[in-house]
Amino acid sequence: MRTRNHKPARPSIFHPGSWILLALLAGCLALPPAPDSEGVITFGAAISLTGKTFKEGEYVRDGYLLAIETINAAGGLMLNGRRHTIELIYYDDESRPERTAELVERLIVEDKIDLLLGPYGSEPTEAAAAVAERYRVPMVEANGAAEQIFSHGYRYTFGLQTPAPAYLCGVIDLVRATAPSIQRVAIIAKDESFSREVARSAADCARTQGMDLVYSGYYPAELQDVSPWLVEIKAARPDLLLGAGHLQDALLVVRQARGLGIKPRAMGFSVGPSSPQFRRNLGAAADYVFGATQWTSALPYHGDDLWGTPAAYADAFYARFPHYREIPYQAAESSASLVVYQHVLEQIGQLDREAVRDALAAIELDTFFGPIRFDARGMNSSKPMVIEQWHPDGRKYTVFPLELAERAAIYPATRP
């Protein structure tokens, strides 16, 4: 890959055939090169490859790269009979929204990319959306779920994720369906837009189910110690402990809760358990934890794309990235953003940004990631969420909705 190091001042560039260099350097068998093309379409993205959400950023990058490689290997994009391959320029935004905005502007003004892909996280995505709107560049983003992003009336940003308020309600529905006697719920959340929306909605869902919200608290975004909040939670004696944040937040809460002897009957998180890093970091402490997810390979979707089904995408992902033990949904949804662009560009046969924007607004597409239909705000609000759970065999399984469950949920938890 003709890449430069991931310092924020310099871009990393992925272009047709670059995977061949990677394969040769790794001593792997190289696949046939992408066919010669008559044009190049350049996408740009700012991705968190350092900072607090660096691991999620890696998942996003790998999802983009898999999709680009797959599309190019299949002949690229066909626009009015002309073949185009795809190139990606991306920068490290250091997990900082203000840096995201700077880099997205640089991609548009200096690198002169054609179209935008999203960063990781709701606040970086909101920052990117403001720049995309100012320059009227369409952005299909797959990793910002906060409804706040879409509250400004922007016309050029389209989000693939189920909105943030849906994340933890499924955990509540699941445990109530399994054990109707559960009553006491505590919620701990990072003080940032996505997590606030998740926490507020979870509280509403709990009340709707007739449960008692015995604790709700927010901790500062950069904090590395949440024990003061957990001490209060321990005193509240919850049956169900819910956390709204990202991977590092979930790891922190589980570790410190365990250290304080907090043993609710169930724990669930908005982001974290879906990541392969969750059990790798926690070991047996990950057992029985529920996690919300946008996608799993067990779902029965059938799509009009190069993979067609979640299972086929999973096979392709593991073949390309064999070091992964689980596929994080962030990778799948990032790949899906290229599927959406492929559909729209080949449909309209041109790169005119206004035409691309209008086609995105009207899209109705079934994909391996699920249905893509944007509402008036630009959100994919009709796609359902899924709940996974880590089991003592070291694997996580889809457990909700019940009709799609790979295995029954284990509840209440039997951790020591």
Protein backbone atom coordinates (compact mmCIF):
# COMPACT_ATOMS: atom_id res chain seq x y z
CA MET A 1 0.00 0.00 0.00
CA ARG A 2 1.35 3.41 -0.89
CA THR A 3 0.73 4.72 2.58
CA ARG A 4 2.50 7.24 4.68
CA ASN A 5 2.57 7.00 8.44
CA HIS A 6 -0.63 7.88 10.22
CA LYS A 7 0.45 11.26 11.51
CA PRO A 8 -2.32 13.83 11.24
CA ALA A 9 -0.32 16.17 9.01
CA ARG A 10 0.08 13.60 6.25
CA PRO A 11 -2.47 11.45 4.46
CA SER A 12 -2.60 7.71 4.00
CA ILE A 13 -3.58 6.83 0.46
CA PHE A 14 -5.18 3.60 -0.62
CA HIS A 15 -5.42 3.11 -4.35
CA PRO A 16 -6.13 0.29 -6.79
CA GLY A 17 -3.62 -2.50 -6.56
CA SER A 18 -2.14 -1.30 -3.28
CA TRP A 19 -3.22 -4.47 -1.51
CA ILE A 20 -0.75 -6.35 -3.75
CA LEU A 21 2.16 -4.56 -2.13
CA LEU A 22 0.75 -5.41 1.29
CA ALA A 23 0.45 -9.05 0.34
CA LEU A 24 3.98 -9.23 -0.99
CA LEU A 25 5.41 -7.55 2.09
CA ALA A 26 3.54 -9.99 4.30
CA GLY A 27 4.66 -12.99 2.26
CA CYS A 28 1.06 -13.76 1.29
CA LEU A 29 -0.33 -14.97 -2.01
CA ALA A 30 -1.43 -11.93 -3.99
CA LEU A 31 -4.79 -12.04 -5.71
CA PRO A 32 -5.10 -10.87 -9.33
CA PRO A 33 -4.68 -7.10 -9.64
CA ALA A 34 -7.62 -4.79 -10.16
CA PRO A 35 -8.44 -4.32 -13.86
CA ASP A 36 -7.19 -1.27 -15.69
CA SER A 37 -9.64 1.58 -15.31
CA GLU A 38 -10.63 4.59 -17.33
CA GLY A 39 -10.99 6.85 -14.30
CA VAL A 40 -10.51 7.16 -10.55
CA ILE A 41 -13.02 8.21 -7.91
CA THR A 42 -11.39 9.50 -4.73
CA PHE A 43 -13.01 9.23 -1.32
CA GLY A 44 -11.72 11.01 1.77
CA ALA A 45 -12.07 10.28 5.48
CA ALA A 46 -10.72 11.41 8.84
CA ILE A 47 -10.44 8.34 11.09
CA SER A 48 -9.39 7.98 14.73
CA LEU A 49 -6.22 5.89 14.57
CA THR A 50 -4.84 7.35 17.79
CA GLY A 51 -6.60 8.68 20.88
CA LYS A 52 -9.34 7.12 22.96
CA THR A 53 -11.29 5.53 20.10
CA PHE A 54 -8.28 4.31 18.12
CA LYS A 55 -9.42 0.68 18.14
CA GLU A 56 -12.85 1.51 16.72
CA GLY A 57 -11.07 3.66 14.16
CA GLU A 58 -9.02 0.67 13.06
CA TYR A 59 -12.23 -1.27 12.52
CA VAL A 60 -13.60 1.58 10.40
CA ARG A 61 -10.45 1.73 8.28
CA ASP A 62 -10.44 -2.03 7.71
CA GLY A 63 -14.09 -1.96 6.67
CA TYR A 64 -13.36 0.76 4.13
CA LEU A 65 -10.35 -1.05 2.74
CA LEU A 66 -12.15 -4.37 2.36
CA ALA A 67 -14.98 -2.72 0.43
CA ILE A 68 -12.62 -0.79 -1.84
CA GLU A 69 -10.54 -3.87 -2.59
CA THR A 70 -13.65 -5.92 -3.31
CA ILE A 71 -15.21 -3.33 -5.62
CA ASN A 72 -11.97 -2.73 -7.50
CA ALA A 73 -11.26 -6.46 -7.88
CA ALA A 74 -14.74 -6.89 -9.36
CA GLY A 75 -14.02 -4.27 -12.02
CA GLY A 76 -14.60 -1.04 -10.17
CA LEU A 77 -17.56 1.27 -10.61
CA MET A 78 -19.26 1.54 -14.00
CA LEU A 79 -20.43 5.06 -14.77
CA ASN A 80 -22.06 5.38 -18.19
CA GLY A 81 -20.00 2.54 -19.56
CA ARG A 82 -16.69 3.82 -18.19
CA ARG A 83 -14.87 1.83 -15.57
CA HIS A 84 -13.64 3.68 -12.49
CA THR A 85 -11.52 2.36 -9.67
CA ILE A 86 -11.67 3.77 -6.16
CA GLU A 87 -8.97 5.53 -4.18
CA LEU A 88 -9.15 6.43 -0.49
CA ILE A 89 -7.24 9.22 1.24
CA TYR A 90 -7.52 9.22 5.01
CA TYR A 91 -5.99 11.05 7.95
CA ASP A 92 -5.74 10.32 11.66
CA ASP A 93 -8.01 12.73 13.53
CA GLU A 94 -6.62 11.62 16.93
CA SER A 95 -10.18 11.02 18.22
CA ARG A 96 -10.66 14.81 18.43
CA PRO A 97 -13.70 16.41 16.75
CA GLU A 98 -11.93 19.71 16.16
CA ARG A 99 -9.17 17.86 14.33
CA THR A 100 -11.78 15.97 12.32
CA ALA A 101 -13.18 19.25 11.01
CA GLU A 102 -9.72 20.52 10.03
CA LEU A 103 -8.86 17.34 8.18
CA VAL A 104 -12.17 17.04 6.35
CA GLU A 105 -11.71 20.58 5.09
CA ARG A 106 -8.19 19.70 3.97
CA LEU A 107 -9.49 16.65 2.12
CA ILE A 108 -11.99 18.81 0.25
CA VAL A 109 -9.87 21.89 -0.43
CA GLU A 110 -6.33 20.54 -0.82
CA ASP A 111 -6.73 16.87 -1.71
CA LYS A 112 -9.81 17.60 -3.82
CA ILE A 113 -11.52 14.33 -3.01
CA ASP A 114 -14.76 13.58 -4.85
CA LEU A 115 -16.89 12.32 -1.96
CA LEU A 116 -16.65 11.86 1.80
CA LEU A 117 -16.78 8.88 4.12
CA GLY A 118 -17.40 9.36 7.82
CA PRO A 119 -15.10 9.28 10.86
CA TYR A 120 -15.70 7.20 13.99
CA GLY A 121 -17.98 8.57 16.70
CA SER A 122 -20.89 10.96 16.86
CA GLU A 123 -19.05 14.12 17.87
CA PRO A 124 -16.37 13.77 15.15
CA THR A 125 -19.16 12.98 12.68
CA GLU A 126 -21.08 16.10 13.70
CA ALA A 127 -17.92 18.14 13.14
CA ALA A 128 -17.38 16.53 9.74
CA ALA A 129 -21.03 17.09 8.77
CA ALA A 130 -20.74 20.83 9.31
CA VAL A 131 -17.79 20.98 6.90
CA ALA A 132 -19.51 18.74 4.36
CA GLU A 133 -22.52 21.05 4.45
CA ARG A 134 -20.42 24.17 4.02
CA TYR A 135 -18.73 22.79 0.91
CA ARG A 136 -21.78 20.85 -0.32
CA VAL A 137 -19.96 17.53 -0.47
CA PRO A 138 -22.06 14.41 0.18
CA MET A 139 -20.93 12.28 3.11
CA VAL A 140 -22.20 8.77 3.79
CA GLU A 141 -21.23 8.12 7.38
CA ALA A 142 -21.53 4.80 9.12
CA ASN A 143 -20.28 5.46 12.63
CA GLY A 144 -22.15 8.41 14.08
CA ALA A 145 -25.53 7.45 15.54
CA ALA A 146 -26.46 10.50 17.65
CA GLU A 147 -29.63 12.19 16.46
CA GLN A 148 -27.97 15.50 17.32
CA ILE A 149 -25.87 15.18 14.14
CA PHE A 150 -29.05 15.34 12.13
CA SER A 151 -30.78 18.11 14.08
CA HIS A 152 -29.22 20.97 12.08
CA GLY A 153 -31.13 20.51 8.84
CA TYR A 154 -28.03 19.38 6.95
CA ARG A 155 -28.68 18.11 3.43
CA TYR A 156 -25.39 16.41 2.59
CA THR A 157 -24.88 13.93 5.46
CA PHE A 158 -26.47 10.48 5.46
CA GLY A 159 -26.08 8.03 8.34
CA LEU A 160 -26.33 4.25 7.99
CA GLN A 161 -26.68 3.43 11.69
CA THR A 162 -29.81 2.83 13.68
CA PRO A 163 -30.08 6.02 15.80
CA ALA A 164 -28.55 6.15 19.27
CA PRO A 165 -31.81 6.05 21.28
CA ALA A 166 -32.39 2.44 20.16
CA TYR A 167 -29.11 1.02 21.49
CA LEU A 168 -29.94 -0.22 25.00
CA CYS A 169 -33.71 -0.65 24.86
CA GLY A 170 -33.20 -4.14 23.45
CA VAL A 171 -31.23 -5.18 26.54
CA ILE A 172 -34.11 -4.03 28.72
CA ASP A 173 -36.65 -5.84 26.54
CA LEU A 174 -34.54 -9.00 26.64
CA VAL A 175 -34.04 -9.21 30.39
CA ARG A 176 -37.69 -8.37 31.06
CA ALA A 177 -38.78 -11.10 28.66
CA THR A 178 -36.43 -13.57 30.37
CA ALA A 179 -37.07 -12.53 33.97
CA PRO A 180 -40.14 -10.30 34.41
CA SER A 181 -39.31 -9.79 38.08
CA ILE A 182 -36.29 -7.62 37.33
CA GLN A 183 -36.98 -4.17 38.70
CA ARG A 184 -33.98 -2.01 39.57
CA VAL A 185 -31.91 -0.36 36.81
CA ALA A 186 -28.78 1.81 37.04
CA ILE A 187 -27.30 3.72 34.11
CA ILE A 188 -23.80 5.18 33.86
CA ALA A 189 -22.88 7.20 30.78
CA LYS A 190 -20.09 9.25 29.28
CA ASP A 191 -20.97 12.95 29.02
CA GLU A 192 -21.01 13.25 25.22
CA SER A 193 -23.79 13.46 22.65
CA PHE A 194 -24.13 9.81 21.62
CA SER A 195 -23.98 8.44 25.16
CA ARG A 196 -26.39 11.03 26.52
CA GLU A 197 -28.96 10.05 23.90
CA VAL A 198 -28.45 6.35 24.61
CA ALA A 199 -28.80 6.87 28.38
CA ARG A 200 -31.88 9.08 28.19
CA SER A 201 -33.65 6.63 25.91
CA ALA A 202 -32.69 3.65 28.10
CA ALA A 203 -34.15 5.44 31.12
CA ASP A 204 -37.39 6.05 29.20
CA CYS A 205 -37.54 2.41 28.09
CA ALA A 206 -37.02 1.20 31.65
CA ARG A 207 -39.81 3.40 32.96
CA THR A 208 -42.11 2.24 30.15
CA GLN A 209 -41.45 -1.32 31.29
CA GLY A 210 -42.46 -0.36 34.83
CA MET A 211 -38.90 -0.60 36.19
CA ASP A 212 -37.30 1.55 38.85
CA LEU A 213 -34.43 3.77 37.72
CA VAL A 214 -32.36 3.67 40.89
CA TYR A 215 -29.37 5.56 39.49
CA SER A 216 -28.42 7.66 36.45
CA GLY A 217 -25.14 9.54 36.22
CA TYR A 218 -22.73 11.04 33.69
CA TYR A 219 -18.94 11.12 33.97
CA PRO A 220 -16.61 13.52 32.08
CA ALA A 221 -15.56 12.28 28.65
CA GLU A 222 -11.81 12.10 29.35
CA LEU A 223 -12.05 10.58 32.82
CA GLN A 224 -10.07 7.40 33.54
CA ASP A 225 -11.66 6.61 36.90
CA VAL A 226 -15.39 6.09 37.33
CA SER A 227 -15.22 4.52 40.78
CA PRO A 228 -17.03 7.44 42.52
CA TRP A 229 -20.04 6.82 40.27
CA LEU A 230 -19.80 3.06 40.75
CA VAL A 231 -19.73 3.41 44.55
CA GLU A 232 -23.11 5.16 44.32
CA ILE A 233 -24.36 2.46 41.97
CA LYS A 234 -23.29 -0.27 44.40
CA ALA A 235 -25.30 1.41 47.14
CA ALA A 236 -28.34 1.50 44.83
CA ARG A 237 -28.23 -2.32 44.41
CA PRO A 238 -29.35 -2.53 40.76
CA ASP A 239 -30.51 -5.74 39.13
CA LEU A 240 -29.39 -4.39 35.75
CA LEU A 241 -26.39 -2.11 35.15
CA LEU A 242 -26.28 -0.33 31.79
CA GLY A 243 -23.35 1.65 30.40
CA ALA A 244 -23.42 4.18 27.55
CA GLY A 245 -20.05 4.96 25.99
CA HIS A 246 -17.46 3.31 23.76
CA LEU A 247 -15.06 0.37 24.00
CA GLN A 248 -12.62 1.89 26.48
CA ASP A 249 -15.51 3.07 28.65
CA ALA A 250 -17.06 -0.39 28.79
CA LEU A 251 -13.71 -1.95 29.70
CA LEU A 252 -13.23 0.62 32.45
CA VAL A 253 -16.70 0.13 33.95
CA VAL A 254 -16.46 -3.67 33.96
CA ARG A 255 -13.00 -3.68 35.56
CA GLN A 256 -13.83 -1.16 38.24
CA ALA A 257 -17.25 -2.62 38.98
CA ARG A 258 -15.64 -6.01 39.47
CA GLY A 259 -13.00 -4.47 41.74
CA LEU A 260 -15.73 -2.89 43.86
CA GLY A 261 -17.68 -6.12 44.14
CA ILE A 262 -20.66 -4.89 42.10
CA LYS A 263 -22.55 -7.97 40.89
CA PRO A 264 -25.79 -7.07 39.17
CA ARG A 265 -27.87 -9.82 37.64
CA ALA A 266 -26.99 -8.42 34.21
CA MET A 267 -24.73 -5.81 32.60
CA GLY A 268 -25.16 -4.28 29.17
CA PHE A 269 -23.29 -1.66 27.13
CA SER A 270 -23.99 0.45 24.07
CA VAL A 271 -20.52 -0.09 22.56
CA GLY A 272 -17.73 -2.41 23.64
CA PRO A 273 -18.92 -6.01 23.94
CA SER A 274 -19.25 -6.23 20.15
CA SER A 275 -15.51 -5.60 19.82
CA PRO A 276 -13.03 -8.51 19.66
CA GLN A 277 -10.96 -6.51 22.15
CA PHE A 278 -13.62 -6.81 24.84
CA ARG A 279 -12.94 -10.39 25.86
CA ARG A 280 -9.29 -10.15 24.89
CA ASN A 281 -8.88 -7.48 27.55
CA LEU A 282 -11.29 -8.79 30.18
CA GLY A 283 -11.02 -12.56 29.94
CA ALA A 284 -13.70 -14.32 31.96
CA ALA A 285 -14.94 -10.97 33.30
CA ALA A 286 -16.59 -10.51 29.90
CA ASP A 287 -18.84 -13.52 30.46
CA TYR A 288 -22.60 -12.85 30.44
CA VAL A 289 -22.21 -9.18 29.43
CA PHE A 290 -24.73 -7.93 26.88
CA GLY A 291 -23.78 -5.60 24.06
CA ALA A 292 -25.82 -3.64 21.54
CA THR A 293 -24.73 -4.06 17.96
CA GLN A 294 -25.73 -2.71 14.57
CA TRP A 295 -24.94 -5.99 12.79
CA THR A 296 -23.88 -9.59 13.26
CA SER A 297 -23.00 -12.28 10.77
CA ALA A 298 -25.96 -14.36 12.02
CA LEU A 299 -28.61 -11.97 10.67
CA PRO A 300 -30.83 -13.14 7.77
CA TYR A 301 -30.32 -10.14 5.48
CA HIS A 302 -30.15 -10.55 1.70
CA GLY A 303 -28.70 -7.63 -0.17
CA ASP A 304 -28.03 -6.29 -3.64
CA ASP A 305 -24.26 -6.01 -3.23
CA LEU A 306 -21.06 -7.92 -3.85
CA TRP A 307 -21.49 -10.03 -0.69
CA GLY A 308 -25.23 -10.44 -0.55
CA THR A 309 -25.47 -11.89 2.97
CA PRO A 310 -23.87 -11.27 6.38
CA ALA A 311 -22.33 -14.74 6.28
CA ALA A 312 -20.67 -14.09 2.92
CA TYR A 313 -19.33 -10.77 4.16
CA ALA A 314 -17.94 -12.51 7.23
CA ASP A 315 -16.12 -15.06 5.06
CA ALA A 316 -14.58 -12.27 2.99
CA PHE A 317 -13.60 -10.28 6.06
CA TYR A 318 -11.86 -13.19 7.76
CA ALA A 319 -10.03 -14.04 4.54
CA ARG A 320 -8.73 -10.49 4.26
CA PHE A 321 -8.07 -9.93 7.98
CA PRO A 322 -7.33 -13.36 9.49
CA HIS A 323 -6.05 -11.85 12.75
CA TYR A 324 -9.63 -10.94 13.75
CA ARG A 325 -11.46 -13.45 15.94
CA GLU A 326 -14.77 -11.58 15.71
CA ILE A 327 -16.06 -9.07 13.19
CA PRO A 328 -16.83 -5.71 14.81
CA TYR A 329 -19.97 -4.12 13.46
CA GLN A 330 -18.02 -0.91 12.85
CA ALA A 331 -16.17 -2.69 10.05
CA ALA A 332 -19.34 -4.05 8.45
CA GLU A 333 -21.17 -0.73 8.47
CA SER A 334 -18.11 1.05 7.10
CA SER A 335 -18.02 -1.40 4.20
CA ALA A 336 -21.73 -0.80 3.70
CA SER A 337 -21.13 2.92 3.15
CA LEU A 338 -19.14 2.03 0.00
CA VAL A 339 -21.97 -0.29 -1.09
CA VAL A 340 -24.35 2.66 -0.87
CA TYR A 341 -22.06 4.87 -2.91
CA GLN A 342 -21.56 2.13 -5.50
CA HIS A 343 -25.31 1.76 -5.94
CA VAL A 344 -25.93 5.48 -6.25
CA LEU A 345 -23.02 6.28 -8.56
CA GLU A 346 -23.81 3.44 -10.93
CA GLN A 347 -27.47 4.39 -10.87
CA ILE A 348 -26.95 8.03 -11.86
CA GLY A 349 -23.82 7.41 -13.96
CA GLN A 350 -22.04 10.60 -12.94
CA LEU A 351 -20.02 12.26 -10.18
CA ASP A 352 -22.06 15.46 -9.94
CA ARG A 353 -22.32 16.06 -6.19
CA GLU A 354 -25.86 17.44 -6.29
CA ALA A 355 -27.05 14.45 -8.28
CA VAL A 356 -25.30 12.13 -5.81
CA ARG A 357 -26.95 13.93 -2.88
CA ASP A 358 -30.40 13.66 -4.43
CA ALA A 359 -29.94 9.96 -5.22
CA LEU A 360 -28.80 9.27 -1.65
CA ALA A 361 -31.88 11.00 -0.26
CA ALA A 362 -34.13 8.76 -2.36
CA ILE A 363 -32.29 5.45 -1.95
CA GLU A 364 -34.13 2.25 -1.05
CA LEU A 365 -31.56 -0.52 -0.90
CA ASP A 366 -31.27 -3.89 0.80
CA THR A 367 -27.69 -4.83 1.69
CA PHE A 368 -25.74 -7.43 3.65
CA PHE A 369 -25.75 -4.82 6.45
CA GLY A 370 -29.51 -4.44 6.39
CA PRO A 371 -32.04 -2.08 4.83
CA ILE A 372 -30.90 1.40 3.82
CA ARG A 373 -33.68 3.99 3.65
CA PHE A 374 -32.94 7.50 4.83
CA ASP A 375 -35.61 9.56 6.54
CA ALA A 376 -36.05 13.29 6.01
CA ARG A 377 -33.17 13.98 8.40
CA GLY A 378 -30.77 11.63 6.61
CA MET A 379 -30.92 8.84 9.23
CA ASN A 380 -31.47 5.14 8.59
CA SER A 381 -34.05 5.06 11.36
CA SER A 382 -35.97 1.95 10.25
CA LYS A 383 -33.09 -0.53 10.74
CA PRO A 384 -33.37 -2.60 13.95
CA MET A 385 -30.68 -3.09 16.59
CA VAL A 386 -29.43 -6.47 17.78
CA ILE A 387 -28.16 -7.68 21.18
CA GLU A 388 -25.20 -10.02 21.66
CA GLN A 389 -23.90 -11.74 24.78
CA TRP A 390 -20.52 -13.20 25.69
CA HIS A 391 -20.78 -16.80 26.90
CA PRO A 392 -18.34 -18.77 29.07
CA ASP A 393 -17.14 -20.71 25.99
CA GLY A 394 -15.31 -17.54 24.95
CA ARG A 395 -17.67 -16.63 22.12
CA LYS A 396 -20.41 -14.07 21.71
CA TYR A 397 -23.79 -14.93 20.29
CA THR A 398 -26.76 -13.05 18.91
CA VAL A 399 -29.44 -13.38 21.61
CA PHE A 400 -32.04 -10.75 20.68
CA PRO A 401 -34.44 -10.32 18.91
CA LEU A 402 -35.50 -13.72 20.17
CA GLU A 403 -36.57 -14.97 16.74
CA LEU A 404 -33.02 -14.36 15.44
CA ALA A 405 -31.14 -15.70 18.45
CA GLU A 406 -28.23 -18.06 17.84
CA ARG A 407 -28.43 -19.14 21.48
CA ALA A 408 -30.63 -18.32 24.41
CA ALA A 409 -29.41 -15.53 26.65
CA ILE A 410 -27.90 -16.57 29.98
CA TYR A 411 -29.68 -14.57 32.65
CA PRO A 412 -29.25 -13.92 35.46
CA ALA A 413 -25.47 -13.94 35.32
CA THR A 414 -23.70 -16.59 37.36
CA ARG A 415 -20.33 -14.84 37.65
CA PRO A 416 -18.47 -15.43 40.95
